[in-house]
Amino acid sequence: MGDIEPGSLALRRAERADWTALAEADPIAAAGDPARRASIRRWCEQGRALLAEHTHGPVGYGVLEYTFFEQGFLTLLTVAPGARRQGVAARLLTAVEAACTTPKLFTSTNVSNRPMRHLLLKAGWQPAGLVHGLDEGDPELFYLCPSENLSRSSTLRTFPDTVIGKESRT
């Protein structure tokens, strides 16, 4: 996969038929993990997945759910290995912030996941807690999205009907 130019990436809500292409872009699902494949299918069917699409198909996705104390929760954000370090994750994070309909948005990541921790801190997210025991020896860090990111994104809340183009956090 070549370099991804900023204007060549489209973000949209994944549809039911997108699940197999998303599974191929997800390294865990592509390796054959049946639970991840089933989750991707369910997220697409429920309209919970937001995908980033380049000219040759999906290059990443984020999952927005409302199961964390009835607040928004970014359950998963993943980018295909060949599309990493090109701004895809940042664009997906902005899209999830734009799509969130609750006053608060949370996410979590393992302490060992330095790229995600860096992305969240760069976007202004604040640490909100630490949970031990989910993954042995690798605690889970929880983060809270700053309210100004949600209010700045409020003009994009028509996400299901709009393909997000060239907006940026700058």
Protein backbone atom coordinates (compact mmCIF):
# COMPACT_ATOMS: atom_id res chain seq x y z
CA MET A 1 0.00 0.00 0.00
CA GLY A 2 1.39 3.39 -0.97
CA ASP A 3 1.35 6.68 0.84
CA ILE A 4 -2.08 7.98 1.72
CA GLU A 5 -2.56 11.59 0.67
CA PRO A 6 -4.69 13.61 3.12
CA GLY A 7 -7.49 14.26 0.62
CA SER A 8 -7.64 10.69 -0.67
CA LEU A 9 -9.10 9.14 2.47
CA ALA A 10 -12.87 8.90 2.87
CA LEU A 11 -14.53 8.16 6.20
CA ARG A 12 -18.03 6.75 6.48
CA ARG A 13 -20.21 4.50 8.56
CA ALA A 14 -19.56 0.86 7.66
CA GLU A 15 -22.44 -1.04 6.14
CA ARG A 16 -23.38 -4.67 6.65
CA ALA A 17 -21.61 -5.69 3.42
CA ASP A 18 -18.33 -4.06 4.52
CA TRP A 19 -17.52 -6.56 7.23
CA THR A 20 -15.40 -8.94 5.14
CA ALA A 21 -13.25 -6.10 3.76
CA LEU A 22 -12.81 -4.71 7.29
CA ALA A 23 -11.82 -8.16 8.52
CA GLU A 24 -9.08 -8.26 5.89
CA ALA A 25 -7.80 -4.83 6.99
CA ASP A 26 -7.75 -5.91 10.67
CA PRO A 27 -4.55 -7.86 11.40
CA ILE A 28 -6.16 -9.98 14.14
CA ALA A 29 -9.19 -10.91 12.04
CA ALA A 30 -7.04 -11.42 8.94
CA ALA A 31 -4.96 -13.92 10.93
CA GLY A 32 -8.15 -15.97 11.34
CA ASP A 33 -9.40 -15.01 14.82
CA PRO A 34 -13.07 -16.12 14.71
CA ALA A 35 -14.14 -13.96 17.67
CA ARG A 36 -12.73 -10.79 16.06
CA ARG A 37 -14.36 -11.66 12.73
CA ALA A 38 -17.72 -12.18 14.48
CA SER A 39 -17.34 -8.85 16.31
CA ILE A 40 -16.56 -6.98 13.09
CA ARG A 41 -19.63 -8.50 11.44
CA ARG A 42 -21.83 -7.55 14.41
CA TRP A 43 -20.43 -3.99 14.55
CA CYS A 44 -21.12 -3.50 10.84
CA GLU A 45 -24.64 -4.91 11.14
CA GLN A 46 -25.37 -2.63 14.11
CA GLY A 47 -23.92 0.47 12.42
CA ARG A 48 -21.24 0.86 15.10
CA ALA A 49 -18.15 0.79 12.84
CA LEU A 50 -16.74 3.86 11.12
CA LEU A 51 -14.34 3.00 8.32
CA ALA A 52 -11.49 4.79 6.62
CA GLU A 53 -11.36 3.98 2.93
CA HIS A 54 -8.58 4.57 0.43
CA THR A 55 -8.74 3.92 -3.32
CA HIS A 56 -8.27 0.16 -2.89
CA GLY A 57 -10.67 -0.34 0.02
CA PRO A 58 -10.77 -0.04 3.81
CA VAL A 59 -7.52 0.77 5.60
CA GLY A 60 -8.88 1.01 9.14
CA TYR A 61 -11.92 1.39 11.33
CA GLY A 62 -13.16 2.54 14.72
CA VAL A 63 -16.04 1.19 16.76
CA LEU A 64 -18.28 3.57 18.71
CA GLU A 65 -20.62 2.05 21.29
CA TYR A 66 -22.70 3.39 24.17
CA THR A 67 -22.25 0.56 26.66
CA PHE A 68 -19.90 2.33 29.12
CA PHE A 69 -22.24 3.91 31.70
CA GLU A 70 -24.44 5.00 28.76
CA GLN A 71 -21.64 7.23 27.45
CA GLY A 72 -19.77 6.97 24.18
CA PHE A 73 -16.94 4.45 24.17
CA LEU A 74 -14.38 3.91 21.43
CA THR A 75 -14.25 0.12 21.70
CA LEU A 76 -11.60 -0.44 19.05
CA LEU A 77 -9.52 1.58 16.62
CA THR A 78 -7.31 -0.31 14.19
CA VAL A 79 -5.40 0.52 11.03
CA ALA A 80 -4.10 -1.97 8.45
CA PRO A 81 -0.34 -2.49 8.89
CA GLY A 82 0.48 -1.00 5.46
CA ALA A 83 -1.47 2.19 6.23
CA ARG A 84 -0.02 2.96 9.65
CA ARG A 85 1.89 6.15 10.48
CA GLN A 86 0.01 8.08 7.75
CA GLY A 87 -2.67 9.86 9.79
CA VAL A 88 -5.42 7.27 9.35
CA ALA A 89 -5.86 6.67 13.09
CA ALA A 90 -6.02 10.41 13.79
CA ARG A 91 -8.70 10.86 11.13
CA LEU A 92 -10.67 7.93 12.53
CA LEU A 93 -10.41 9.34 16.05
CA THR A 94 -11.77 12.68 14.83
CA ALA A 95 -14.61 10.85 13.05
CA VAL A 96 -15.52 8.96 16.23
CA GLU A 97 -15.51 12.22 18.19
CA ALA A 98 -17.78 13.72 15.52
CA ALA A 99 -20.19 10.80 15.61
CA CYS A 100 -20.49 10.60 19.41
CA THR A 101 -23.93 11.70 20.62
CA THR A 102 -23.29 11.69 24.38
CA PRO A 103 -21.64 14.40 26.50
CA LYS A 104 -18.68 12.13 27.28
CA LEU A 105 -16.55 9.81 25.18
CA PHE A 106 -14.13 7.31 26.67
CA THR A 107 -11.71 4.70 25.39
CA SER A 108 -9.09 2.38 26.81
CA THR A 109 -5.85 0.80 25.71
CA ASN A 110 -3.20 -1.43 27.19
CA VAL A 111 -0.24 0.28 28.83
CA SER A 112 1.96 -1.51 26.27
CA ASN A 113 0.16 0.14 23.31
CA ARG A 114 2.41 3.16 22.94
CA PRO A 115 1.11 4.27 19.51
CA MET A 116 -2.49 4.51 20.79
CA ARG A 117 -1.44 6.24 24.00
CA HIS A 118 0.55 8.78 21.96
CA LEU A 119 -2.39 9.36 19.57
CA LEU A 120 -4.80 9.97 22.44
CA LEU A 121 -2.50 12.35 24.30
CA LYS A 122 -1.71 14.27 21.09
CA ALA A 123 -5.46 14.67 20.52
CA GLY A 124 -5.90 16.06 24.03
CA TRP A 125 -7.51 13.04 25.68
CA GLN A 126 -6.89 12.80 29.42
CA PRO A 127 -6.10 9.67 31.45
CA ALA A 128 -9.19 8.70 33.44
CA GLY A 129 -8.20 5.52 35.26
CA LEU A 130 -6.28 2.28 35.29
CA VAL A 131 -7.63 -1.28 35.56
CA HIS A 132 -5.48 -4.27 36.39
CA GLY A 133 -6.42 -7.86 35.63
CA LEU A 134 -7.91 -7.69 32.13
CA ASP A 135 -4.68 -8.73 30.37
CA GLU A 136 -2.16 -10.37 32.67
CA GLY A 137 0.77 -8.03 33.28
CA ASP A 138 -0.55 -5.30 30.95
CA PRO A 139 -2.98 -2.93 32.71
CA GLU A 140 -5.69 -1.10 30.80
CA LEU A 141 -5.54 2.71 30.73
CA PHE A 142 -8.83 4.56 30.33
CA TYR A 143 -9.02 7.97 28.66
CA LEU A 144 -11.63 10.73 28.44
CA CYS A 145 -12.06 12.85 25.33
CA PRO A 146 -11.93 16.58 26.03
CA SER A 147 -15.37 18.17 25.75
CA GLU A 148 -14.04 20.79 23.32
CA ASN A 149 -13.23 17.99 20.84
CA LEU A 150 -16.84 16.82 21.04
CA SER A 151 -18.31 20.32 20.75
CA ARG A 152 -15.90 21.18 17.90
CA SER A 153 -17.10 18.04 16.14
CA SER A 154 -20.80 18.77 16.69
CA THR A 155 -21.18 20.23 13.20
CA LEU A 156 -20.18 16.83 11.84
CA ARG A 157 -22.81 14.86 13.76
CA THR A 158 -24.67 14.18 10.54
CA PHE A 159 -22.01 11.50 10.02
CA PRO A 160 -24.34 8.74 8.77
CA ASP A 161 -25.38 10.95 5.84
CA THR A 162 -22.05 12.67 5.22
CA VAL A 163 -18.71 11.43 4.05
CA ILE A 164 -16.13 13.28 6.08
CA GLY A 165 -13.51 14.73 3.79
CA LYS A 166 -10.62 17.01 4.57
CA GLU A 167 -11.39 18.22 8.09
CA SER A 168 -8.54 18.16 10.52
CA ARG A 169 -7.83 18.81 14.15
CA THR A 170 -5.52 21.77 13.45
